[in-house]
Amino acid sequence: MKNNTAAFPTTCRRAAALLAALLAAPPLPAAQLYTCGMHPQIVRTSPGDCPVCGMTLTPMNDLSAPAGSPAASRLRLDAPTVQRMNLKTATVTSGPVRREIRAFGTLAFNEEGLRDVTVKFEGWLENLHVPASWSAVQKDDPLFDIYSPALLNAQLNFLAATSDGADPSGPLARAALARLKLLDVPQAFLDALAASRQPARTLTVRSPASGVLIEKNAVAGQMVKPGELICRLADLSSVWALVQIYESDLPFVSENSVVSVRETSPNGRVFNGKIQRLLPQIQAASRSATARIVLPNSDGSLRPGQFVEARLSAEIAPNATLVPDSAVLRGGERDSVFVALDGGLFEPRQVKLGARSGDGFYQVLSGLTPGERVVTSGQFLLDSESRLREAVQKMLPSTPPQGAEQPAAAATPPPPEPATPTPTPPSAPAPLRALFLAAADAADALANDDLPAFRRRLPALREAPASAPSLAPSAGNLSDASLDAARRSFEPFSDALARLAPSHPSAAAGLRVFECGMSPVLGAARWLQRAHAAPKNPFFGSAMLSCGREIPAASN
């Protein structure tokens, strides 16, 4: 079978030989290692410059710290690297943990102000003084007249028991009067009956309270039975706001908490109230509980059924350690931050978080103390750097003492190279691979005249100097002020990055290089493109979408 190792890159064969030599070397004392912040694959045992970019190599591990200790995982970066990585820090503070809770709900009738109007005898409605629903009435306003044979008979019995010659205070008179009172006949009606000595054919039923007639179940001429609902009144001088508090917010809400309620309409007014009752039931569908708030409504402008927004502030802890939420790296079950130490050291540290405050801070239960500085911007690059260095150290179980030379590839013969399968080249650094893909997506967005999509890729492009320092000038000039400004600023950056791609074939795998021979800024500029069949020109967009030619790999 023909040996395919000739096609395997020379660099990869040398790396494999070096790795085999390092793994086969006898255990030696730990040594200080040095690496490049831009090219973590460069590892040396003595200080010097990076052979790729010329940057000064930085210490890779802390020999004074025992293995597994927090100090052993610290990263040391020089000032230029910190600036290129755009690392920003903030101070861990202490203070109260306050949380603002927002909830939405609707207005409802205050059940304490509802009144049902019924009668305790059978009769017929003859005259409705309030003929329509939602009419406003005042207390003692007439509602309807009712004729009842039972009421008429009770009046006649009363007149007979109090007629001339009868004892007005006798048992019959008292029984007849008690019967009328049990039928809820008003005192004014009884006084008129005693004065006129004539029974009234109908009784006028009056409103028991001021309010609005929200329900009317009767018409003129209708027969009603004892206890049957004729109409219902609601007092709108106060209303209930029924807002939904999510289950996760319930520990911070209690009865008598002060709440600010705002109408959801434009220029909605704000009303202050207190939670009268926090209902003890959780609604299964929304996983929320209802909080009942009493709101004054003297002018009647609040209408039941109206949507409202409620806000309340809860103090979770009077004094706690606070860290900005932008500093926290979420890792599923574990959260961590990078602590900035003196001398360009950065230490990854696990933290235990509590509640999140409303002003963008987390309560720290353990792991940090006030006054420490944490990284709030660029910590993802630090995390990637830390993981890469950890992987390199796992590949180097033993290293020569300080000042000793690394084992050469020829010191230990490399293992025989298998004929099949063809070895896979080592993967590219993740930041550079991500940069190439982001540039290809940004070029595709400009080719589609999609400025919002380009803006979403812009932060990743501005991080380019962290992976390729030569791109710093063009990356700093990237603009998204307009589609034309984005294209003109992207052209020099794209051309420089596309010309860098052939030097990193693993990072540029799956991407193609195209060139426009009449670009508006450089006259001829290149761009990276995912595996589309035809060129999509980002420098002209839809105006000249297909202007360009593919640059073959050999020409690159």
Protein backbone atom coordinates (compact mmCIF):
# COMPACT_ATOMS: atom_id res chain seq x y z
CA MET A 1 0.00 0.00 0.00
CA LYS A 2 1.31 3.44 -0.87
CA ASN A 3 2.46 5.50 2.07
CA ASN A 4 0.36 8.69 2.36
CA THR A 5 2.56 10.39 4.96
CA ALA A 6 4.22 12.52 2.30
CA ALA A 7 1.00 14.51 2.12
CA PHE A 8 1.02 15.10 5.86
CA PRO A 9 2.34 18.60 6.65
CA THR A 10 5.91 18.73 7.84
CA THR A 11 4.94 20.92 10.78
CA CYS A 12 2.46 18.34 12.04
CA ARG A 13 5.03 15.53 11.80
CA ARG A 14 7.50 17.60 13.80
CA ALA A 15 4.85 18.40 16.42
CA ALA A 16 3.97 14.72 16.73
CA ALA A 17 7.62 13.82 17.12
CA LEU A 18 8.12 16.50 19.77
CA LEU A 19 5.04 15.37 21.69
CA ALA A 20 6.21 11.76 21.61
CA ALA A 21 9.61 12.80 22.88
CA LEU A 22 8.12 14.78 25.72
CA LEU A 23 5.80 11.96 26.79
CA ALA A 24 8.66 9.44 26.66
CA ALA A 25 11.06 11.59 28.68
CA PRO A 26 11.77 10.52 32.29
CA PRO A 27 10.14 12.50 35.10
CA LEU A 28 12.04 15.70 35.87
CA PRO A 29 11.46 18.57 38.29
CA ALA A 30 8.83 21.10 37.27
CA ALA A 31 10.17 24.05 35.29
CA GLN A 32 8.98 27.55 34.54
CA LEU A 33 7.29 27.59 31.14
CA TYR A 34 6.79 30.59 28.88
CA THR A 35 4.18 31.10 26.19
CA CYS A 36 2.75 33.72 23.85
CA GLY A 37 -0.55 35.33 24.72
CA MET A 38 -1.53 35.44 21.03
CA HIS A 39 -0.18 32.01 20.10
CA PRO A 40 -0.62 29.66 23.08
CA GLN A 41 0.78 26.74 21.06
CA ILE A 42 4.24 28.33 21.48
CA VAL A 43 5.76 26.92 24.70
CA ARG A 44 9.36 27.58 25.80
CA THR A 45 11.41 26.84 28.91
CA SER A 46 13.22 30.17 28.88
CA PRO A 47 12.18 33.82 28.28
CA GLY A 48 12.30 35.19 24.77
CA ASP A 49 10.17 36.40 21.88
CA CYS A 50 7.40 34.61 20.05
CA PRO A 51 8.70 33.28 16.72
CA VAL A 52 5.34 34.02 15.09
CA CYS A 53 4.48 37.56 16.12
CA GLY A 54 7.56 38.73 18.01
CA MET A 55 5.75 39.39 21.29
CA THR A 56 7.57 38.83 24.59
CA LEU A 57 6.84 35.42 26.04
CA THR A 58 5.08 35.45 29.42
CA PRO A 59 5.35 32.96 32.33
CA MET A 60 2.89 30.14 31.95
CA ASN A 61 2.77 28.62 35.43
CA ASP A 62 3.47 29.57 39.03
CA LEU A 63 6.14 27.29 40.48
CA SER A 64 5.77 28.72 43.96
CA ALA A 65 2.21 27.43 44.22
CA PRO A 66 1.41 23.77 44.87
CA ALA A 67 -0.35 21.88 42.11
CA GLY A 68 -4.10 22.23 42.29
CA SER A 69 -4.02 25.43 44.34
CA PRO A 70 -5.73 28.63 43.06
CA ALA A 71 -2.33 30.26 42.52
CA ALA A 72 -1.33 27.44 40.15
CA SER A 73 -4.12 28.40 37.76
CA ARG A 74 -3.24 32.09 37.58
CA LEU A 75 -2.52 33.72 34.24
CA ARG A 76 0.15 36.36 33.76
CA LEU A 77 -0.37 38.87 30.93
CA ASP A 78 1.71 41.89 30.03
CA ALA A 79 0.18 45.34 29.62
CA PRO A 80 0.03 45.32 25.79
CA THR A 81 -1.78 41.97 25.82
CA VAL A 82 -4.25 43.24 28.41
CA GLN A 83 -4.94 46.25 26.22
CA ARG A 84 -5.37 44.19 23.06
CA MET A 85 -7.74 41.81 24.83
CA ASN A 86 -9.76 44.85 25.99
CA LEU A 87 -9.82 43.62 29.59
CA LYS A 88 -11.82 45.85 31.92
CA THR A 89 -12.18 45.47 35.67
CA ALA A 90 -14.54 46.59 38.41
CA THR A 91 -14.26 46.61 42.19
CA VAL A 92 -16.25 44.21 44.36
CA THR A 93 -18.41 46.35 46.64
CA SER A 94 -20.72 45.87 49.58
CA GLY A 95 -24.19 47.24 50.20
CA PRO A 96 -27.85 46.34 50.46
CA VAL A 97 -29.38 43.89 48.00
CA ARG A 98 -32.58 45.36 46.64
CA ARG A 99 -34.75 43.81 44.02
CA GLU A 100 -37.48 45.48 42.01
CA ILE A 101 -40.34 43.16 41.16
CA ARG A 102 -42.63 43.89 38.23
CA ALA A 103 -46.02 42.26 37.94
CA PHE A 104 -49.02 42.70 35.70
CA GLY A 105 -52.70 42.27 36.39
CA THR A 106 -56.18 43.70 36.01
CA LEU A 107 -58.56 45.85 38.02
CA ALA A 108 -61.63 44.26 39.57
CA PHE A 109 -64.61 45.31 41.68
CA ASN A 110 -63.98 45.65 45.38
CA GLU A 111 -66.13 42.80 46.69
CA GLU A 112 -66.65 44.68 49.95
CA GLY A 113 -68.69 47.26 48.02
CA LEU A 114 -71.05 44.85 46.21
CA ARG A 115 -74.76 44.91 47.13
CA ASP A 116 -77.49 42.56 45.89
CA VAL A 117 -81.07 43.83 45.76
CA THR A 118 -83.74 41.16 46.49
CA VAL A 119 -87.17 40.96 48.16
CA LYS A 120 -88.52 38.52 50.75
CA PHE A 121 -91.93 38.08 49.22
CA GLU A 122 -93.40 37.08 45.91
CA GLY A 123 -94.53 39.91 43.66
CA TRP A 124 -94.61 41.65 40.29
CA LEU A 125 -92.42 44.52 39.16
CA GLU A 126 -94.53 47.41 37.93
CA ASN A 127 -92.22 50.41 37.48
CA LEU A 128 -88.44 50.43 37.01
CA HIS A 129 -86.96 53.79 38.03
CA VAL A 130 -83.46 52.74 36.79
CA PRO A 131 -84.19 51.01 33.49
CA ALA A 132 -80.63 50.33 32.25
CA SER A 133 -77.49 48.65 33.55
CA TRP A 134 -74.36 50.67 34.46
CA SER A 135 -76.50 53.55 35.66
CA ALA A 136 -75.14 55.48 38.63
CA VAL A 137 -77.40 55.67 41.66
CA GLN A 138 -77.19 57.27 45.07
CA LYS A 139 -78.24 55.80 48.37
CA ASP A 140 -82.07 55.81 48.86
CA ASP A 141 -82.74 56.50 45.16
CA PRO A 142 -85.87 54.56 44.00
CA LEU A 143 -85.05 51.43 42.00
CA PHE A 144 -88.45 49.84 41.24
CA ASP A 145 -92.06 49.46 42.47
CA ILE A 146 -93.39 46.03 43.30
CA TYR A 147 -96.90 44.73 43.86
CA SER A 148 -97.25 41.78 46.27
CA PRO A 149 -100.48 40.19 47.53
CA ALA A 150 -98.56 38.92 50.57
CA LEU A 151 -97.41 42.46 51.41
CA LEU A 152 -100.89 43.85 50.88
CA ASN A 153 -102.37 41.19 53.21
CA ALA A 154 -99.76 42.00 55.87
CA GLN A 155 -100.77 45.67 55.72
CA LEU A 156 -104.45 44.81 56.18
CA ASN A 157 -103.67 42.64 59.19
CA PHE A 158 -101.70 45.49 60.73
CA LEU A 159 -104.56 47.96 60.17
CA ALA A 160 -107.06 45.51 61.68
CA ALA A 161 -104.90 44.91 64.74
CA THR A 162 -104.53 48.68 65.31
CA SER A 163 -108.13 49.76 64.43
CA ASP A 164 -110.44 51.68 66.78
CA GLY A 165 -111.17 49.73 69.91
CA ALA A 166 -108.13 47.48 69.49
CA ASP A 167 -105.16 47.64 71.84
CA PRO A 168 -102.28 49.18 69.73
CA SER A 169 -99.76 47.59 72.05
CA GLY A 170 -101.50 44.23 72.24
CA PRO A 171 -100.06 40.96 70.97
CA LEU A 172 -101.95 41.07 67.66
CA ALA A 173 -100.68 44.56 66.85
CA ARG A 174 -97.12 43.63 67.76
CA ALA A 175 -97.30 40.44 65.64
CA ALA A 176 -98.64 42.34 62.59
CA LEU A 177 -95.92 45.00 62.91
CA ALA A 178 -93.19 42.36 63.31
CA ARG A 179 -94.41 40.59 60.17
CA LEU A 180 -94.06 43.79 58.13
CA LYS A 181 -90.57 44.41 59.49
CA LEU A 182 -89.53 40.84 58.68
CA LEU A 183 -90.49 41.57 55.08
CA ASP A 184 -87.93 44.44 55.15
CA VAL A 185 -90.59 47.11 54.84
CA PRO A 186 -88.84 50.46 55.54
CA GLN A 187 -89.82 52.54 58.55
CA ALA A 188 -91.04 55.44 56.39
CA PHE A 189 -93.53 53.07 54.73
CA LEU A 190 -94.81 51.93 58.16
CA ASP A 191 -95.20 55.50 59.38
CA ALA A 192 -97.18 56.41 56.27
CA LEU A 193 -99.37 53.33 56.71
CA ALA A 194 -100.14 54.17 60.37
CA ALA A 195 -100.90 57.80 59.49
CA SER A 196 -103.09 57.21 56.42
CA ARG A 197 -104.79 54.04 57.67
CA GLN A 198 -104.90 52.97 53.99
CA PRO A 199 -102.89 50.03 52.56
CA ALA A 200 -100.49 50.88 49.71
CA ARG A 201 -100.87 48.81 46.56
CA THR A 202 -97.11 48.82 45.74
CA LEU A 203 -93.88 49.22 47.64
CA THR A 204 -91.02 51.35 46.26
CA VAL A 205 -87.67 49.60 46.79
CA ARG A 206 -84.78 52.02 47.19
CA SER A 207 -81.01 51.68 46.68
CA PRO A 208 -79.20 50.44 49.81
CA ALA A 209 -75.96 52.25 48.84
CA SER A 210 -74.42 54.57 46.28
CA GLY A 211 -72.79 52.95 43.29
CA VAL A 212 -73.28 51.63 39.78
CA LEU A 213 -75.95 49.17 38.66
CA ILE A 214 -73.62 46.50 37.25
CA GLU A 215 -76.24 43.76 36.89
CA LYS A 216 -79.97 44.01 36.15
CA ASN A 217 -82.04 40.84 35.87
CA ALA A 218 -85.58 42.23 35.75
CA VAL A 219 -87.99 44.04 33.44
CA ALA A 220 -91.31 45.71 34.07
CA GLY A 221 -94.13 43.21 34.63
CA GLN A 222 -91.80 40.37 35.62
CA MET A 223 -92.73 38.14 38.51
CA VAL A 224 -90.02 37.68 41.13
CA LYS A 225 -89.73 35.14 43.89
CA PRO A 226 -88.35 35.60 47.40
CA GLY A 227 -84.55 35.83 47.34
CA GLU A 228 -84.30 36.13 43.56
CA LEU A 229 -81.56 38.56 42.41
CA ILE A 230 -83.19 41.61 40.85
CA CYS A 231 -80.12 43.84 40.47
CA ARG A 232 -76.57 44.24 41.82
CA LEU A 233 -74.80 47.43 42.83
CA ALA A 234 -71.06 48.06 42.99
CA ASP A 235 -69.35 50.84 44.95
CA LEU A 236 -66.53 52.17 42.71
CA SER A 237 -65.03 54.50 45.29
CA SER A 238 -62.28 51.88 45.56
CA VAL A 239 -61.22 48.98 43.33
CA TRP A 240 -59.01 45.92 43.59
CA ALA A 241 -55.84 45.45 41.54
CA LEU A 242 -55.28 41.71 41.09
CA VAL A 243 -51.65 41.25 39.98
CA GLN A 244 -49.80 38.01 39.32
CA ILE A 245 -46.59 37.44 41.31
CA TYR A 246 -44.35 34.73 39.86
CA GLU A 247 -43.40 31.85 42.10
CA SER A 248 -39.71 32.82 42.06
CA ASP A 249 -40.56 36.31 43.41
CA LEU A 250 -42.90 35.18 46.19
CA PRO A 251 -40.16 34.94 48.88
CA PHE A 252 -39.60 38.69 48.50
CA VAL A 253 -43.27 39.74 48.67
CA SER A 254 -45.43 39.97 51.78
CA GLU A 255 -48.73 41.47 52.82
CA ASN A 256 -48.74 45.20 53.60
CA SER A 257 -45.85 45.73 51.15
CA VAL A 258 -46.03 49.14 49.48
CA VAL A 259 -46.81 48.84 45.77
CA SER A 260 -46.81 51.36 42.94
CA VAL A 261 -49.53 50.63 40.36
CA ARG A 262 -49.47 52.28 36.94
CA GLU A 263 -51.99 52.27 34.14
CA THR A 264 -50.61 50.61 31.01
CA SER A 265 -52.06 53.24 28.71
CA PRO A 266 -49.77 56.01 27.39
CA ASN A 267 -49.16 58.65 30.07
CA GLY A 268 -50.77 56.29 32.54
CA ARG A 269 -51.23 57.61 36.06
CA VAL A 270 -49.52 56.05 39.07
CA PHE A 271 -51.38 55.00 42.22
CA ASN A 272 -49.85 53.89 45.50
CA GLY A 273 -51.30 51.16 47.64
CA LYS A 274 -50.51 48.17 49.82
CA ILE A 275 -50.91 44.45 49.30
CA GLN A 276 -54.04 43.68 51.31
CA ARG A 277 -53.92 39.95 50.72
CA LEU A 278 -51.48 37.54 49.07
CA LEU A 279 -53.63 34.59 48.03
CA PRO A 280 -52.25 31.25 49.25
CA GLN A 281 -52.84 29.40 45.98
CA ILE A 282 -50.41 28.96 43.06
CA GLN A 283 -52.02 28.87 39.63
CA ALA A 284 -50.76 25.77 37.83
CA ALA A 285 -50.81 27.28 34.33
CA SER A 286 -48.82 30.46 35.07
CA ARG A 287 -46.95 29.37 38.23
CA SER A 288 -47.98 32.60 39.92
CA ALA A 289 -49.97 33.75 42.94
CA THR A 290 -52.45 36.64 43.03
CA ALA A 291 -51.75 39.72 45.13
CA ARG A 292 -54.76 41.88 45.97
CA ILE A 293 -54.16 45.62 46.22
CA VAL A 294 -56.84 48.15 47.25
CA LEU A 295 -56.69 51.37 45.23
CA PRO A 296 -58.73 54.55 45.92
CA ASN A 297 -60.99 55.62 43.05
CA SER A 298 -62.80 58.70 44.21
CA ASP A 299 -63.20 60.13 40.69
CA GLY A 300 -64.25 56.79 39.18
CA SER A 301 -61.53 56.90 36.52
CA LEU A 302 -60.27 53.37 37.30
CA ARG A 303 -62.40 50.82 35.51
CA PRO A 304 -62.64 47.13 36.40
CA GLY A 305 -61.06 44.99 33.70
CA GLN A 306 -58.34 47.55 32.97
CA PHE A 307 -54.72 46.32 32.64
CA VAL A 308 -52.20 47.66 35.16
CA GLU A 309 -48.50 47.24 35.95
CA ALA A 310 -47.32 46.92 39.55
CA ARG A 311 -43.82 47.56 40.89
CA LEU A 312 -42.51 46.92 44.37
CA SER A 313 -39.03 47.07 45.84
CA ALA A 314 -37.88 44.41 48.28
CA GLU A 315 -34.72 44.52 50.38
CA ILE A 316 -33.27 41.03 50.39
CA ALA A 317 -30.20 41.72 52.54
CA PRO A 318 -29.19 44.93 54.36
CA ASN A 319 -25.47 44.45 53.70
CA ALA A 320 -23.85 41.95 51.34
CA THR A 321 -20.89 41.52 49.00
CA LEU A 322 -21.85 42.60 45.48
CA VAL A 323 -20.28 41.69 42.14
CA PRO A 324 -21.35 43.03 38.69
CA ASP A 325 -23.34 40.48 36.74
CA SER A 326 -21.11 41.12 33.70
CA ALA A 327 -18.18 39.63 35.63
CA VAL A 328 -19.81 36.24 36.21
CA LEU A 329 -19.04 33.31 33.91
CA ARG A 330 -21.97 30.91 33.97
CA GLY A 331 -21.00 27.26 33.92
CA GLY A 332 -24.18 25.35 34.64
CA GLU A 333 -23.77 24.13 38.22
CA ARG A 334 -20.74 26.35 38.89
CA ASP A 335 -20.18 30.09 38.54
CA SER A 336 -16.78 31.71 38.35
CA VAL A 337 -15.06 35.07 37.97
CA PHE A 338 -11.56 36.23 37.09
CA VAL A 339 -9.89 38.21 39.88
CA ALA A 340 -7.32 40.79 38.75
CA LEU A 341 -4.20 40.68 40.96
CA ASP A 342 -1.10 42.84 41.00
CA GLY A 343 1.65 42.25 38.46
CA GLY A 344 -0.64 41.34 35.57
CA LEU A 345 -1.94 38.18 37.25
CA PHE A 346 -5.49 36.94 36.73
CA GLU A 347 -6.90 34.20 38.95
CA PRO A 348 -10.02 32.18 38.06
CA ARG A 349 -12.14 31.70 41.14
CA GLN A 350 -15.40 29.89 41.82
CA VAL A 351 -18.10 31.88 43.57
CA LYS A 352 -21.41 31.07 45.16
CA LEU A 353 -24.07 33.57 44.18
CA GLY A 354 -27.24 34.61 45.93
CA ALA A 355 -30.04 36.83 44.69
CA ARG A 356 -29.68 39.26 41.80
CA SER A 357 -30.37 42.90 42.60
CA GLY A 358 -32.26 45.20 40.32
CA ASP A 359 -29.24 47.38 39.50
CA GLY A 360 -27.16 44.68 37.80
CA PHE A 361 -25.33 43.11 40.75
CA TYR A 362 -25.28 39.64 42.28
CA GLN A 363 -25.08 38.87 45.96
CA VAL A 364 -21.89 36.87 46.65
CA LEU A 365 -22.28 34.28 49.38
CA SER A 366 -18.69 33.01 49.18
CA GLY A 367 -15.56 33.37 47.04
CA LEU A 368 -15.01 37.14 47.01
CA THR A 369 -14.43 39.96 49.46
CA PRO A 370 -15.12 43.68 49.05
CA GLY A 371 -12.24 45.60 47.52
CA GLU A 372 -11.07 42.89 45.11
CA ARG A 373 -11.06 43.65 41.40
CA VAL A 374 -12.84 41.37 38.93
CA VAL A 375 -12.75 41.30 35.13
CA THR A 376 -15.99 42.55 33.56
CA SER A 377 -14.99 42.59 29.87
CA GLY A 378 -12.88 40.10 27.96
CA GLN A 379 -13.13 37.36 30.57
CA PHE A 380 -14.23 34.88 27.90
CA LEU A 381 -10.83 35.30 26.23
CA LEU A 382 -9.19 34.73 29.61
CA ASP A 383 -11.26 31.60 30.09
CA SER A 384 -10.22 30.28 26.67
CA GLU A 385 -6.57 31.10 27.44
CA SER A 386 -6.80 29.31 30.78
CA ARG A 387 -8.29 26.19 29.21
CA LEU A 388 -5.68 26.13 26.44
CA ARG A 389 -2.83 26.40 28.91
CA GLU A 390 -4.36 23.72 31.07
CA ALA A 391 -4.53 21.43 28.05
CA VAL A 392 -0.90 22.14 27.17
CA GLN A 393 0.24 21.40 30.71
CA LYS A 394 -1.64 18.11 30.69
CA MET A 395 0.30 17.22 27.53
CA LEU A 396 3.58 18.05 29.30
CA PRO A 397 3.68 15.82 32.41
CA SER A 398 7.40 16.46 32.95
CA THR A 399 9.68 19.26 31.77
CA PRO A 400 13.43 19.88 32.09
CA PRO A 401 14.84 22.18 34.74
CA GLN A 402 15.05 25.92 34.27
CA GLY A 403 17.53 26.81 31.52
CA ALA A 404 17.65 23.33 30.00
CA GLU A 405 16.84 22.89 26.37
CA GLN A 406 13.68 21.15 25.29
CA PRO A 407 14.24 17.64 23.88
CA ALA A 408 14.81 17.92 20.19
CA ALA A 409 12.79 15.92 17.75
CA ALA A 410 15.91 13.96 16.86
CA ALA A 411 16.71 13.09 20.52
CA THR A 412 14.07 10.42 20.53
CA PRO A 413 13.15 8.98 17.18
CA PRO A 414 9.52 9.63 16.27
CA PRO A 415 7.21 6.66 16.20
CA PRO A 416 6.69 5.03 12.82
CA GLU A 417 4.14 6.92 10.81
CA PRO A 418 1.25 4.72 9.76
CA ALA A 419 0.43 4.48 6.10
CA THR A 420 -3.31 4.63 6.75
CA PRO A 421 -5.40 6.33 7.78
CA THR A 422 -4.12 9.76 6.75
CA PRO A 423 -3.36 11.73 9.93
CA THR A 424 -5.71 14.60 10.75
CA PRO A 425 -3.96 17.99 11.09
CA PRO A 426 -4.18 19.61 14.52
CA SER A 427 -7.17 21.83 15.10
CA ALA A 428 -6.79 25.59 14.89
CA PRO A 429 -6.96 27.83 17.96
CA ALA A 430 -10.60 28.46 18.79
CA PRO A 431 -10.36 32.32 18.81
CA LEU A 432 -8.82 32.46 15.31
CA ARG A 433 -11.32 29.98 13.92
CA ALA A 434 -14.17 32.00 15.43
CA LEU A 435 -12.71 35.19 13.94
CA PHE A 436 -12.61 33.71 10.41
CA LEU A 437 -16.21 32.51 10.70
CA ALA A 438 -17.38 35.86 12.08
CA ALA A 439 -15.68 37.68 9.17
CA ALA A 440 -17.35 35.38 6.65
CA ASP A 441 -20.74 35.97 8.26
CA ALA A 442 -20.14 39.74 8.35
CA ALA A 443 -19.25 39.70 4.64
CA ASP A 444 -22.41 37.73 3.92
CA ALA A 445 -24.49 40.30 5.88
CA LEU A 446 -23.04 43.20 3.85
CA ALA A 447 -23.58 41.29 0.62
CA ASN A 448 -27.26 40.95 1.63
CA ASP A 449 -27.45 44.69 2.51
CA ASP A 450 -28.28 43.61 6.08
CA LEU A 451 -26.75 46.21 8.43
CA PRO A 452 -28.35 44.78 11.64
CA ALA A 453 -26.78 41.38 10.93
CA PHE A 454 -23.38 43.06 10.38
CA ARG A 455 -23.75 44.86 13.71
CA ARG A 456 -24.29 41.53 15.46
CA ARG A 457 -20.93 40.30 14.12
CA LEU A 458 -19.08 43.57 14.81
CA PRO A 459 -18.10 42.84 18.47
CA ALA A 460 -16.36 39.62 17.39
CA LEU A 461 -14.49 41.48 14.62
CA ARG A 462 -13.31 44.16 17.04
CA GLU A 463 -11.73 41.41 19.16
CA ALA A 464 -9.51 40.48 16.18
CA PRO A 465 -6.28 41.98 17.62
CA ALA A 466 -6.45 39.39 20.40
CA SER A 467 -5.96 36.63 17.78
CA ALA A 468 -4.12 38.54 15.03
CA PRO A 469 -2.26 41.67 16.22
CA SER A 470 -1.61 42.78 12.65
CA LEU A 471 -5.33 43.51 12.29
CA ALA A 472 -5.37 46.10 15.09
CA PRO A 473 -5.37 49.22 12.81
CA SER A 474 -8.17 48.05 10.53
CA ALA A 475 -10.18 46.52 13.40
CA GLY A 476 -10.10 49.80 15.25
CA ASN A 477 -11.61 51.62 12.25
CA LEU A 478 -14.63 49.33 11.86
CA SER A 479 -17.85 51.35 11.76
CA ASP A 480 -21.57 50.62 11.62
CA ALA A 481 -22.86 54.18 11.28
CA SER A 482 -24.40 53.32 7.90
CA LEU A 483 -24.28 50.56 5.32
CA ASP A 484 -21.79 52.50 3.19
CA ALA A 485 -19.58 53.29 6.21
CA ALA A 486 -19.67 49.63 7.23
CA ARG A 487 -18.57 48.48 3.77
CA ARG A 488 -15.74 51.02 3.46
CA SER A 489 -14.37 50.26 6.94
CA PHE A 490 -14.77 46.49 6.48
CA GLU A 491 -12.83 46.37 3.18
CA PRO A 492 -9.26 46.87 4.56
CA PHE A 493 -10.01 44.56 7.51
CA SER A 494 -11.44 41.84 5.27
CA ASP A 495 -8.54 42.01 2.82
CA ALA A 496 -5.93 41.72 5.58
CA LEU A 497 -7.75 38.82 7.23
CA ALA A 498 -8.31 36.97 3.94
CA ARG A 499 -4.59 37.21 3.14
CA LEU A 500 -3.85 35.81 6.60
CA ALA A 501 -6.11 32.77 6.08
CA PRO A 502 -3.67 30.69 3.93
CA SER A 503 -1.18 30.72 6.81
CA HIS A 504 -3.78 29.04 9.03
CA PRO A 505 -5.42 26.35 6.88
CA SER A 506 -6.99 24.59 9.85
CA ALA A 507 -8.68 27.76 11.09
CA ALA A 508 -9.88 28.60 7.57
CA ALA A 509 -11.15 25.11 6.79
CA GLY A 510 -14.42 25.18 4.87
CA LEU A 511 -14.00 28.83 3.82
CA ARG A 512 -13.21 30.21 0.37
CA VAL A 513 -11.31 33.36 -0.60
CA PHE A 514 -12.73 35.71 -3.24
CA GLU A 515 -11.29 38.91 -4.70
CA CYS A 516 -12.98 41.99 -6.16
CA GLY A 517 -10.75 43.74 -8.72
CA MET A 518 -12.54 47.09 -8.43
CA SER A 519 -13.20 47.55 -4.73
CA PRO A 520 -14.01 51.17 -3.76
CA VAL A 521 -11.23 51.66 -1.15
CA LEU A 522 -8.23 49.50 -2.06
CA GLY A 523 -8.97 48.97 -5.74
CA ALA A 524 -8.62 45.19 -5.23
CA ALA A 525 -9.68 43.53 -2.00
CA ARG A 526 -10.44 40.01 -0.80
CA TRP A 527 -13.06 38.52 1.49
CA LEU A 528 -13.80 35.19 3.18
CA GLN A 529 -16.96 33.35 2.23
CA ARG A 530 -18.58 30.17 3.33
CA ALA A 531 -19.00 27.44 0.72
CA HIS A 532 -21.42 29.27 -1.58
CA ALA A 533 -21.30 28.40 -5.30
CA ALA A 534 -21.08 31.99 -6.54
CA PRO A 535 -19.30 35.04 -5.13
CA LYS A 536 -21.32 37.42 -2.95
CA ASN A 537 -19.52 40.76 -3.01
CA PRO A 538 -19.72 42.54 0.40
CA PHE A 539 -18.14 45.76 -0.88
CA PHE A 540 -21.00 46.54 -3.30
CA GLY A 541 -23.86 44.33 -2.07
CA SER A 542 -26.89 43.94 -4.30
CA ALA A 543 -25.55 46.60 -6.70
CA MET A 544 -22.76 44.28 -7.92
CA LEU A 545 -23.36 41.07 -5.99
CA SER A 546 -21.53 38.67 -8.32
CA CYS A 547 -18.48 40.90 -8.94
CA GLY A 548 -15.47 38.84 -7.92
CA ARG A 549 -13.43 35.74 -8.59
CA GLU A 550 -12.28 32.91 -6.39
CA ILE A 551 -8.61 32.83 -5.43
CA PRO A 552 -7.35 29.22 -5.69
CA ALA A 553 -5.44 27.78 -2.77
CA ALA A 554 -2.24 27.59 -4.87
CA SER A 555 -2.45 31.31 -5.66
CA ASN A 556 -2.96 32.09 -1.99
